């Protein structure tokens, strides 16, 4: 089962159990929510290819006491209707569960219009949002299920990229491997390439599927036990969470290497998701070279 399929199942079950839960779509995944439409036609709203309206409708539902879930491909749920997220939700003091699919480059054959590596960085400019970046379909259910019982703003970032096994049992940094030479932070689907890249290195690897709020205490504890050299590996724009690391370690002299989707150039060739991952240095080989160079001054950096 994919992350998107698990999202559909969990949301439909939530609608069965809670009359407050409503679903707002802009065509994307409408064909997947046929059961929800059949059972709860009065709480499923497909506004057509009108993403700004999708967020506006969700804001209205939230103001009326509902718990809206809105969903589309990443740039269509974050970038295109960003002003509505800011005003129709945030400025009105209401929340919704915004669920994207496609991540940074899952749909490369569709071109740049379907890529949004800056999504988490954009959401980060809005106060109070919880941001989940699951690394496995099973984590989607655990992360999403807890969000129906309150009214806060939530962003759930789904991807076709996935780790071999689910790991998350709750928010915060979860230790996966212990070492002495540095602390490597793997966010969501980045755990698999991070573990492969650091298999022969003496480093601590921490994993999270919830990047906001940021677990500063967990990072500080890991640094105290290992080293103040921190490598942050995110599936979104490089440096998205660097400021969180800096604030967490404000009283600790430290170094940070941030890896993610590159900022210095735009990839204009379609290619495959694997090729985009390699070009951004987010495959095991690229990560291994960057980490080795950062920690020990050896290895090959990504050009």
C-alpha atoms as a PDB file:
ATOM      1  CA  UNK A   1       0.000   0.000   0.000  1.00  0.00           C
ATOM      2  CA  UNK A   2       1.310   3.449  -0.896  1.00  0.00           C
ATOM      3  CA  UNK A   3       1.281   6.470   1.403  1.00  0.00           C
ATOM      4  CA  UNK A   4      -1.544   8.006  -0.625  1.00  0.00           C
ATOM      5  CA  UNK A   5      -3.612   4.832  -0.413  1.00  0.00           C
ATOM      6  CA  UNK A   6      -3.119   4.739   3.358  1.00  0.00           C
ATOM      7  CA  UNK A   7      -4.151   8.398   3.588  1.00  0.00           C
ATOM      8  CA  UNK A   8      -7.376   7.629   1.696  1.00  0.00           C
ATOM      9  CA  UNK A   9      -8.157   4.677   3.985  1.00  0.00           C
ATOM     10  CA  UNK A  10      -7.404   6.533   7.222  1.00  0.00           C
ATOM     11  CA  UNK A  11      -9.384   9.617   6.185  1.00  0.00           C
ATOM     12  CA  UNK A  12     -12.395   7.584   5.069  1.00  0.00           C
ATOM     13  CA  UNK A  13     -12.391   5.693   8.367  1.00  0.00           C
ATOM     14  CA  UNK A  14     -12.175   8.990  10.258  1.00  0.00           C
ATOM     15  CA  UNK A  15     -15.209  10.267   8.354  1.00  0.00           C
ATOM     16  CA  UNK A  16     -17.073   7.103   9.331  1.00  0.00           C
ATOM     17  CA  UNK A  17     -16.266   7.673  12.984  1.00  0.00           C
ATOM     18  CA  UNK A  18     -16.451  11.452  13.354  1.00  0.00           C
ATOM     19  CA  UNK A  19     -19.173  13.640  11.789  1.00  0.00           C
ATOM     20  CA  UNK A  20     -16.888  16.672  12.138  1.00  0.00           C
ATOM     21  CA  UNK A  21     -14.409  15.384   9.553  1.00  0.00           C
ATOM     22  CA  UNK A  22     -14.923  16.782   6.043  1.00  0.00           C
ATOM     23  CA  UNK A  23     -12.904  16.367   2.859  1.00  0.00           C
ATOM     24  CA  UNK A  24     -12.132  19.102   0.329  1.00  0.00           C
ATOM     25  CA  UNK A  25     -10.592  18.132  -3.018  1.00  0.00           C
ATOM     26  CA  UNK A  26      -9.542  19.895  -6.201  1.00  0.00           C
ATOM     27  CA  UNK A  27      -9.976  16.882  -8.522  1.00  0.00           C
ATOM     28  CA  UNK A  28      -6.734  15.179  -7.436  1.00  0.00           C
ATOM     29  CA  UNK A  29      -7.514  11.761  -5.846  1.00  0.00           C
ATOM     30  CA  UNK A  30     -11.257  12.217  -6.333  1.00  0.00           C
ATOM     31  CA  UNK A  31     -11.336   8.815  -8.007  1.00  0.00           C
ATOM     32  CA  UNK A  32      -9.784   7.282  -4.879  1.00  0.00           C
ATOM     33  CA  UNK A  33     -12.392   8.592  -2.449  1.00  0.00           C
ATOM     34  CA  UNK A  34     -15.412   6.864  -4.006  1.00  0.00           C
ATOM     35  CA  UNK A  35     -16.257   5.083  -0.733  1.00  0.00           C
ATOM     36  CA  UNK A  36     -16.162   8.358   1.167  1.00  0.00           C
ATOM     37  CA  UNK A  37     -18.429  10.007  -1.401  1.00  0.00           C
ATOM     38  CA  UNK A  38     -20.854   7.087  -1.280  1.00  0.00           C
ATOM     39  CA  UNK A  39     -21.112   7.128   2.514  1.00  0.00           C
ATOM     40  CA  UNK A  40     -20.654  10.835   3.258  1.00  0.00           C
ATOM     41  CA  UNK A  41     -21.642  12.806   0.181  1.00  0.00           C
ATOM     42  CA  UNK A  42     -22.630  15.783   2.345  1.00  0.00           C
ATOM     43  CA  UNK A  43     -19.065  16.066   3.703  1.00  0.00           C
ATOM     44  CA  UNK A  44     -17.015  15.619   0.514  1.00  0.00           C
ATOM     45  CA  UNK A  45     -16.480  18.769  -1.559  1.00  0.00           C
ATOM     46  CA  UNK A  46     -14.720  18.619  -4.936  1.00  0.00           C
ATOM     47  CA  UNK A  47     -14.255  22.220  -6.081  1.00  0.00           C
ATOM     48  CA  UNK A  48     -12.617  21.335  -9.402  1.00  0.00           C
ATOM     49  CA  UNK A  49      -9.212  22.655 -10.425  1.00  0.00           C
ATOM     50  CA  UNK A  50      -9.484  25.605  -8.058  1.00  0.00           C
ATOM     51  CA  UNK A  51      -6.899  25.158  -5.336  1.00  0.00           C
ATOM     52  CA  UNK A  52      -7.395  28.615  -3.794  1.00  0.00           C
ATOM     53  CA  UNK A  53     -11.095  27.846  -3.456  1.00  0.00           C
ATOM     54  CA  UNK A  54     -10.233  24.473  -1.917  1.00  0.00           C
ATOM     55  CA  UNK A  55      -8.424  26.184   0.953  1.00  0.00           C
ATOM     56  CA  UNK A  56     -11.110  28.836   1.269  1.00  0.00           C
ATOM     57  CA  UNK A  57     -13.824  26.200   1.568  1.00  0.00           C
ATOM     58  CA  UNK A  58     -11.734  24.376   4.169  1.00  0.00           C
ATOM     59  CA  UNK A  59     -11.424  27.626   6.116  1.00  0.00           C
ATOM     60  CA  UNK A  60     -15.171  28.108   6.044  1.00  0.00           C
ATOM     61  CA  UNK A  61     -15.777  24.565   7.221  1.00  0.00           C
ATOM     62  CA  UNK A  62     -13.320  25.060  10.068  1.00  0.00           C
ATOM     63  CA  UNK A  63     -15.047  28.283  11.109  1.00  0.00           C
ATOM     64  CA  UNK A  64     -18.296  26.289  11.208  1.00  0.00           C
ATOM     65  CA  UNK A  65     -16.782  23.776  13.636  1.00  0.00           C
ATOM     66  CA  UNK A  66     -15.782  21.059  11.167  1.00  0.00           C
ATOM     67  CA  UNK A  67     -12.376  19.353  10.911  1.00  0.00           C
ATOM     68  CA  UNK A  68     -11.510  19.736   7.197  1.00  0.00           C
ATOM     69  CA  UNK A  69      -8.949  17.697   5.299  1.00  0.00           C
ATOM     70  CA  UNK A  70      -7.729  19.242   2.042  1.00  0.00           C
ATOM     71  CA  UNK A  71      -5.608  17.427  -0.486  1.00  0.00           C
ATOM     72  CA  UNK A  72      -3.764  17.823  -3.776  1.00  0.00           C
ATOM     73  CA  UNK A  73      -0.325  17.480  -5.370  1.00  0.00           C
ATOM     74  CA  UNK A  74       2.348  19.338  -3.388  1.00  0.00           C
ATOM     75  CA  UNK A  75       2.597  22.629  -5.342  1.00  0.00           C
ATOM     76  CA  UNK A  76      -1.189  22.787  -5.643  1.00  0.00           C
ATOM     77  CA  UNK A  77      -1.803  22.455  -1.911  1.00  0.00           C
ATOM     78  CA  UNK A  78       1.040  24.698  -0.667  1.00  0.00           C
ATOM     79  CA  UNK A  79       2.471  27.020  -3.311  1.00  0.00           C
ATOM     80  CA  UNK A  80      -0.516  27.977  -5.467  1.00  0.00           C
ATOM     81  CA  UNK A  81      -2.955  28.646  -2.570  1.00  0.00           C
ATOM     82  CA  UNK A  82      -0.338  29.879  -0.091  1.00  0.00           C
ATOM     83  CA  UNK A  83      -2.125  33.201   0.478  1.00  0.00           C
ATOM     84  CA  UNK A  84      -5.300  31.312   1.382  1.00  0.00           C
ATOM     85  CA  UNK A  85      -3.379  29.117   3.835  1.00  0.00           C
ATOM     86  CA  UNK A  86      -2.050  32.297   5.409  1.00  0.00           C
ATOM     87  CA  UNK A  87      -5.349  34.213   5.501  1.00  0.00           C
ATOM     88  CA  UNK A  88      -8.298  31.808   5.290  1.00  0.00           C
ATOM     89  CA  UNK A  89      -6.785  29.492   7.902  1.00  0.00           C
ATOM     90  CA  UNK A  90      -4.031  31.205   9.870  1.00  0.00           C
ATOM     91  CA  UNK A  91      -5.378  34.740  10.028  1.00  0.00           C
ATOM     92  CA  UNK A  92      -8.849  33.432  10.884  1.00  0.00           C
ATOM     93  CA  UNK A  93      -7.405  31.421  13.758  1.00  0.00           C
ATOM     94  CA  UNK A  94      -8.634  28.067  12.448  1.00  0.00           C
ATOM     95  CA  UNK A  95      -6.885  24.935  11.292  1.00  0.00           C
ATOM     96  CA  UNK A  96      -7.167  22.161   8.765  1.00  0.00           C
ATOM     97  CA  UNK A  97      -5.228  19.065   7.758  1.00  0.00           C
ATOM     98  CA  UNK A  98      -3.474  19.819   4.477  1.00  0.00           C
ATOM     99  CA  UNK A  99      -2.232  16.653   2.787  1.00  0.00           C
ATOM    100  CA  UNK A 100       0.075  16.751  -0.233  1.00  0.00           C
ATOM    101  CA  UNK A 101       1.352  14.030  -2.524  1.00  0.00           C
ATOM    102  CA  UNK A 102       4.315  14.121  -4.866  1.00  0.00           C
ATOM    103  CA  UNK A 103       6.858  15.506  -2.392  1.00  0.00           C
ATOM    104  CA  UNK A 104       9.825  17.276  -4.024  1.00  0.00           C
ATOM    105  CA  UNK A 105      10.251  15.334  -7.262  1.00  0.00           C
ATOM    106  CA  UNK A 106       8.079  12.207  -7.250  1.00  0.00           C
ATOM    107  CA  UNK A 107       6.444  13.222 -10.558  1.00  0.00           C
ATOM    108  CA  UNK A 108       9.415  14.362 -12.663  1.00  0.00           C
ATOM    109  CA  UNK A 109       7.803  13.455 -15.981  1.00  0.00           C
ATOM    110  CA  UNK A 110       5.188  16.153 -15.280  1.00  0.00           C
ATOM    111  CA  UNK A 111       7.906  18.807 -15.123  1.00  0.00           C
ATOM    112  CA  UNK A 112       8.590  21.677 -12.765  1.00  0.00           C
ATOM    113  CA  UNK A 113       4.877  22.433 -12.295  1.00  0.00           C
ATOM    114  CA  UNK A 114       4.569  19.282 -10.186  1.00  0.00           C
ATOM    115  CA  UNK A 115       7.657  19.803  -8.007  1.00  0.00           C
ATOM    116  CA  UNK A 116       7.703  21.755  -4.743  1.00  0.00           C
ATOM    117  CA  UNK A 117      10.830  21.169  -2.656  1.00  0.00           C
ATOM    118  CA  UNK A 118      10.199  24.474  -0.867  1.00  0.00           C
ATOM    119  CA  UNK A 119       6.858  23.410   0.612  1.00  0.00           C
ATOM    120  CA  UNK A 120       7.986  22.830   4.196  1.00  0.00           C
ATOM    121  CA  UNK A 121      10.027  26.046   4.143  1.00  0.00           C
ATOM    122  CA  UNK A 122       6.898  27.944   3.064  1.00  0.00           C
ATOM    123  CA  UNK A 123       4.712  26.341   5.727  1.00  0.00           C
ATOM    124  CA  UNK A 124       7.449  27.215   8.206  1.00  0.00           C
ATOM    125  CA  UNK A 125       6.705  30.920   7.690  1.00  0.00           C
ATOM    126  CA  UNK A 126       3.244  30.383   9.191  1.00  0.00           C
ATOM    127  CA  UNK A 127       2.985  30.040  12.986  1.00  0.00           C
ATOM    128  CA  UNK A 128       1.694  27.005  14.807  1.00  0.00           C
ATOM    129  CA  UNK A 129       1.727  24.371  12.062  1.00  0.00           C
ATOM    130  CA  UNK A 130       2.536  20.730  12.767  1.00  0.00           C
ATOM    131  CA  UNK A 131       4.467  19.196   9.865  1.00  0.00           C
ATOM    132  CA  UNK A 132       4.626  15.437   9.335  1.00  0.00           C
ATOM    133  CA  UNK A 133       6.966  13.851   6.783  1.00  0.00           C
ATOM    134  CA  UNK A 134       6.293  10.095   7.011  1.00  0.00           C
ATOM    135  CA  UNK A 135       8.906   7.675   5.777  1.00  0.00           C
ATOM    136  CA  UNK A 136       6.620   4.664   5.330  1.00  0.00           C
ATOM    137  CA  UNK A 137       2.914   4.098   4.521  1.00  0.00           C
ATOM    138  CA  UNK A 138       2.294   2.572   7.952  1.00  0.00           C
ATOM    139  CA  UNK A 139       3.492   5.793   9.572  1.00  0.00           C
ATOM    140  CA  UNK A 140       0.814   7.757   7.692  1.00  0.00           C
ATOM    141  CA  UNK A 141      -1.960   6.170   9.724  1.00  0.00           C
ATOM    142  CA  UNK A 142      -0.167   6.721  13.046  1.00  0.00           C
ATOM    143  CA  UNK A 143       0.575  10.364  12.263  1.00  0.00           C
ATOM    144  CA  UNK A 144      -2.755  11.274  10.668  1.00  0.00           C
ATOM    145  CA  UNK A 145      -5.089   9.520  13.097  1.00  0.00           C
ATOM    146  CA  UNK A 146      -4.043  11.706  16.016  1.00  0.00           C
ATOM    147  CA  UNK A 147      -4.796  14.919  14.103  1.00  0.00           C
ATOM    148  CA  UNK A 148      -8.583  14.570  13.797  1.00  0.00           C
ATOM    149  CA  UNK A 149      -9.264  15.207  17.481  1.00  0.00           C
ATOM    150  CA  UNK A 150      -8.093  18.836  17.612  1.00  0.00           C
ATOM    151  CA  UNK A 151      -8.401  21.960  15.472  1.00  0.00           C
ATOM    152  CA  UNK A 152      -4.784  23.008  14.837  1.00  0.00           C
ATOM    153  CA  UNK A 153      -3.141  23.459  11.418  1.00  0.00           C
ATOM    154  CA  UNK A 154      -1.379  20.339  10.141  1.00  0.00           C
ATOM    155  CA  UNK A 155       0.645  19.628   7.017  1.00  0.00           C
ATOM    156  CA  UNK A 156       1.143  15.973   6.038  1.00  0.00           C
ATOM    157  CA  UNK A 157       3.682  15.445   3.241  1.00  0.00           C
ATOM    158  CA  UNK A 158       3.221  12.151   1.375  1.00  0.00           C
ATOM    159  CA  UNK A 159       5.784  10.635  -0.968  1.00  0.00           C
ATOM    160  CA  UNK A 160       6.325   7.650  -3.225  1.00  0.00           C
ATOM    161  CA  UNK A 161       9.821   7.410  -1.703  1.00  0.00           C
ATOM    162  CA  UNK A 162       9.745   5.192   1.372  1.00  0.00           C
ATOM    163  CA  UNK A 163      11.960   3.450   3.892  1.00  0.00           C
ATOM    164  CA  UNK A 164      12.012  -0.339   4.076  1.00  0.00           C
ATOM    165  CA  UNK A 165      10.137  -0.463   7.390  1.00  0.00           C
ATOM    166  CA  UNK A 166       8.008   1.842   9.541  1.00  0.00           C
ATOM    167  CA  UNK A 167       9.726   3.259  12.585  1.00  0.00           C
ATOM    168  CA  UNK A 168       7.874   6.184  14.082  1.00  0.00           C
ATOM    169  CA  UNK A 169       5.921   5.673  17.276  1.00  0.00           C
ATOM    170  CA  UNK A 170       5.432   9.356  18.031  1.00  0.00           C
ATOM    171  CA  UNK A 171       6.962  12.788  17.536  1.00  0.00           C
ATOM    172  CA  UNK A 172      10.587  13.578  18.259  1.00  0.00           C
ATOM    173  CA  UNK A 173      13.954  12.182  17.229  1.00  0.00           C
ATOM    174  CA  UNK A 174      14.191   8.399  17.463  1.00  0.00           C
ATOM    175  CA  UNK A 175      17.666   6.848  17.797  1.00  0.00           C
ATOM    176  CA  UNK A 176      18.376   4.283  15.096  1.00  0.00           C
ATOM    177  CA  UNK A 177      22.131   3.900  15.500  1.00  0.00           C
ATOM    178  CA  UNK A 178      24.652   5.163  18.047  1.00  0.00           C
ATOM    179  CA  UNK A 179      28.149   6.456  17.307  1.00  0.00           C
ATOM    180  CA  UNK A 180      30.748   8.984  18.430  1.00  0.00           C
ATOM    181  CA  UNK A 181      31.891  11.019  15.424  1.00  0.00           C
ATOM    182  CA  UNK A 182      28.731  12.981  14.698  1.00  0.00           C
ATOM    183  CA  UNK A 183      24.935  13.075  14.686  1.00  0.00           C
ATOM    184  CA  UNK A 184      23.065  12.499  11.432  1.00  0.00           C
ATOM    185  CA  UNK A 185      19.426  13.586  11.358  1.00  0.00           C
ATOM    186  CA  UNK A 186      17.264  11.735   8.817  1.00  0.00           C
ATOM    187  CA  UNK A 187      13.815  13.132   8.028  1.00  0.00           C
ATOM    188  CA  UNK A 188      11.091  10.879   6.594  1.00  0.00           C
ATOM    189  CA  UNK A 189      12.116   8.936   3.460  1.00  0.00           C
ATOM    190  CA  UNK A 190      15.746  10.014   3.889  1.00  0.00           C
ATOM    191  CA  UNK A 191      16.361   7.341   6.524  1.00  0.00           C
ATOM    192  CA  UNK A 192      16.976   4.548   4.002  1.00  0.00           C
ATOM    193  CA  UNK A 193      19.729   6.350   2.043  1.00  0.00           C
ATOM    194  CA  UNK A 194      21.217   7.749   5.265  1.00  0.00           C
ATOM    195  CA  UNK A 195      21.550   4.291   6.799  1.00  0.00           C
ATOM    196  CA  UNK A 196      23.151   2.949   3.619  1.00  0.00           C
ATOM    197  CA  UNK A 197      25.489   5.937   3.372  1.00  0.00           C
ATOM    198  CA  UNK A 198      26.676   5.759   6.995  1.00  0.00           C
ATOM    199  CA  UNK A 199      26.815   1.967   7.395  1.00  0.00           C
ATOM    200  CA  UNK A 200      30.604   2.009   7.875  1.00  0.00           C
ATOM    201  CA  UNK A 201      30.721   5.264   9.872  1.00  0.00           C
ATOM    202  CA  UNK A 202      30.818   5.705  13.639  1.00  0.00           C
ATOM    203  CA  UNK A 203      27.905   8.141  13.828  1.00  0.00           C
ATOM    204  CA  UNK A 204      24.622   8.463  15.654  1.00  0.00           C
ATOM    205  CA  UNK A 205      21.585   8.370  13.349  1.00  0.00           C
ATOM    206  CA  UNK A 206      18.339   9.910  14.542  1.00  0.00           C
ATOM    207  CA  UNK A 207      15.036   9.671  12.674  1.00  0.00           C
ATOM    208  CA  UNK A 208      11.844  11.678  12.741  1.00  0.00           C
ATOM    209  CA  UNK A 209       8.631  11.798  10.732  1.00  0.00           C
ATOM    210  CA  UNK A 210       7.498  14.993  12.506  1.00  0.00           C
ATOM    211  CA  UNK A 211       9.789  17.906  11.704  1.00  0.00           C
ATOM    212  CA  UNK A 212       7.557  20.616  13.245  1.00  0.00           C
ATOM    213  CA  UNK A 213       7.515  21.099  16.123  1.00  0.00           C
ATOM    214  CA  UNK A 214      11.246  20.430  16.149  1.00  0.00           C
ATOM    215  CA  UNK A 215      12.552  18.159  18.911  1.00  0.00           C
ATOM    216  CA  UNK A 216      15.314  20.388  20.301  1.00  0.00           C
ATOM    217  CA  UNK A 217      15.680  18.352  23.499  1.00  0.00           C
ATOM    218  CA  UNK A 218      16.223  15.135  21.569  1.00  0.00           C
ATOM    219  CA  UNK A 219      18.931  16.723  19.448  1.00  0.00           C
ATOM    220  CA  UNK A 220      20.717  18.228  22.455  1.00  0.00           C
ATOM    221  CA  UNK A 221      20.760  14.860  24.215  1.00  0.00           C
ATOM    222  CA  UNK A 222      22.235  13.142  21.159  1.00  0.00           C
ATOM    223  CA  UNK A 223      24.928  15.787  20.737  1.00  0.00           C
ATOM    224  CA  UNK A 224      25.935  15.496  24.386  1.00  0.00           C
ATOM    225  CA  UNK A 225      26.368  11.738  23.964  1.00  0.00           C
ATOM    226  CA  UNK A 226      28.194  11.877  20.644  1.00  0.00           C
ATOM    227  CA  UNK A 227      29.582  14.989  18.962  1.00  0.00           C
ATOM    228  CA  UNK A 228      28.496  18.569  18.152  1.00  0.00           C
ATOM    229  CA  UNK A 229      28.957  17.857  14.435  1.00  0.00           C
ATOM    230  CA  UNK A 230      25.440  17.585  12.991  1.00  0.00           C
ATOM    231  CA  UNK A 231      24.351  16.473   9.521  1.00  0.00           C
ATOM    232  CA  UNK A 232      20.754  17.281   8.625  1.00  0.00           C
ATOM    233  CA  UNK A 233      19.265  15.297   5.713  1.00  0.00           C
ATOM    234  CA  UNK A 234      15.801  16.386   4.548  1.00  0.00           C
ATOM    235  CA  UNK A 235      13.756  15.366   1.481  1.00  0.00           C
ATOM    236  CA  UNK A 236      12.793  19.015   1.002  1.00  0.00           C
ATOM    237  CA  UNK A 237      14.778  22.172   0.232  1.00  0.00           C
ATOM    238  CA  UNK A 238      18.322  22.099   1.568  1.00  0.00           C
ATOM    239  CA  UNK A 239      18.577  24.011   4.836  1.00  0.00           C
ATOM    240  CA  UNK A 240      14.846  24.023   5.601  1.00  0.00           C
ATOM    241  CA  UNK A 241      15.428  23.072   9.245  1.00  0.00           C
ATOM    242  CA  UNK A 242      18.954  24.417   9.730  1.00  0.00           C
ATOM    243  CA  UNK A 243      17.655  27.329  11.811  1.00  0.00           C
ATOM    244  CA  UNK A 244      15.979  24.846  14.160  1.00  0.00           C
ATOM    245  CA  UNK A 245      19.282  23.038  14.680  1.00  0.00           C
ATOM    246  CA  UNK A 246      21.036  26.351  15.327  1.00  0.00           C
ATOM    247  CA  UNK A 247      18.434  27.421  17.887  1.00  0.00           C
ATOM    248  CA  UNK A 248      18.501  24.032  19.618  1.00  0.00           C
ATOM    249  CA  UNK A 249      22.290  24.205  19.949  1.00  0.00           C
ATOM    250  CA  UNK A 250      22.604  27.942  20.580  1.00  0.00           C
ATOM    251  CA  UNK A 251      24.595  27.316  23.762  1.00  0.00           C
ATOM    252  CA  UNK A 252      26.734  24.564  22.240  1.00  0.00           C
ATOM    253  CA  UNK A 253      29.605  25.203  19.813  1.00  0.00           C
ATOM    254  CA  UNK A 254      28.731  23.050  16.810  1.00  0.00           C
ATOM    255  CA  UNK A 255      28.953  22.578  13.061  1.00  0.00           C
ATOM    256  CA  UNK A 256      26.038  21.796  10.728  1.00  0.00           C
ATOM    257  CA  UNK A 257      25.963  20.264   7.258  1.00  0.00           C
ATOM    258  CA  UNK A 258      22.547  20.576   5.627  1.00  0.00           C
ATOM    259  CA  UNK A 259      21.603  18.242   2.783  1.00  0.00           C
ATOM    260  CA  UNK A 260      18.418  18.337   0.747  1.00  0.00           C
ATOM    261  CA  UNK A 261      17.135  19.484  -2.626  1.00  0.00           C
ATOM    262  CA  UNK A 262      19.757  21.843  -4.008  1.00  0.00           C
ATOM    263  CA  UNK A 263      19.186  25.601  -4.031  1.00  0.00           C
ATOM    264  CA  UNK A 264      21.913  26.558  -6.498  1.00  0.00           C
ATOM    265  CA  UNK A 265      20.274  25.313  -9.671  1.00  0.00           C
ATOM    266  CA  UNK A 266      17.003  24.073 -11.131  1.00  0.00           C
ATOM    267  CA  UNK A 267      16.913  20.682 -12.829  1.00  0.00           C
ATOM    268  CA  UNK A 268      15.151  21.191 -16.162  1.00  0.00           C
ATOM    269  CA  UNK A 269      15.397  17.664 -17.547  1.00  0.00           C
ATOM    270  CA  UNK A 270      12.489  15.410 -16.628  1.00  0.00           C
ATOM    271  CA  UNK A 271      14.332  12.165 -15.895  1.00  0.00           C
ATOM    272  CA  UNK A 272      13.272   9.809 -13.121  1.00  0.00           C
ATOM    273  CA  UNK A 273      12.863  10.332  -9.398  1.00  0.00           C
ATOM    274  CA  UNK A 274      16.012   8.261  -8.825  1.00  0.00           C
ATOM    275  CA  UNK A 275      17.951  10.533 -11.184  1.00  0.00           C
ATOM    276  CA  UNK A 276      16.689  13.640  -9.416  1.00  0.00           C
ATOM    277  CA  UNK A 277      17.667  12.126  -6.068  1.00  0.00           C
ATOM    278  CA  UNK A 278      21.187  11.433  -7.340  1.00  0.00           C
ATOM    279  CA  UNK A 279      21.505  14.902  -8.892  1.00  0.00           C
ATOM    280  CA  UNK A 280      20.649  16.500  -5.559  1.00  0.00           C
ATOM    281  CA  UNK A 281      23.156  14.290  -3.755  1.00  0.00           C
ATOM    282  CA  UNK A 282      20.436  12.530  -1.781  1.00  0.00           C
ATOM    283  CA  UNK A 283      21.297   8.971  -2.752  1.00  0.00           C
ATOM    284  CA  UNK A 284      23.563   6.827  -0.555  1.00  0.00           C
ATOM    285  CA  UNK A 285      26.682   7.657  -2.590  1.00  0.00           C
ATOM    286  CA  UNK A 286      26.101  11.403  -2.487  1.00  0.00           C
ATOM    287  CA  UNK A 287      25.268  11.462   1.211  1.00  0.00           C
ATOM    288  CA  UNK A 288      28.283   9.269   2.080  1.00  0.00           C
ATOM    289  CA  UNK A 289      30.668  11.595   0.248  1.00  0.00           C
ATOM    290  CA  UNK A 290      29.277  14.729   1.862  1.00  0.00           C
ATOM    291  CA  UNK A 291      29.267  13.273   5.375  1.00  0.00           C
ATOM    292  CA  UNK A 292      32.800  11.859   5.093  1.00  0.00           C
ATOM    293  CA  UNK A 293      34.128  15.165   3.794  1.00  0.00           C
ATOM    294  CA  UNK A 294      32.320  17.127   6.515  1.00  0.00           C
ATOM    295  CA  UNK A 295      33.407  14.931   9.420  1.00  0.00           C
ATOM    296  CA  UNK A 296      36.892  13.957   8.349  1.00  0.00           C
ATOM    297  CA  UNK A 297      37.844  16.073   5.327  1.00  0.00           C
ATOM    298  CA  UNK A 298      37.862  13.019   3.072  1.00  0.00           C
ATOM    299  CA  UNK A 299      35.516  11.703   0.438  1.00  0.00           C
ATOM    300  CA  UNK A 300      34.005  13.308  -2.630  1.00  0.00           C
ATOM    301  CA  UNK A 301      31.505  16.129  -2.342  1.00  0.00           C
ATOM    302  CA  UNK A 302      28.592  16.494  -4.747  1.00  0.00           C
ATOM    303  CA  UNK A 303      29.493  18.857  -7.590  1.00  0.00           C
END
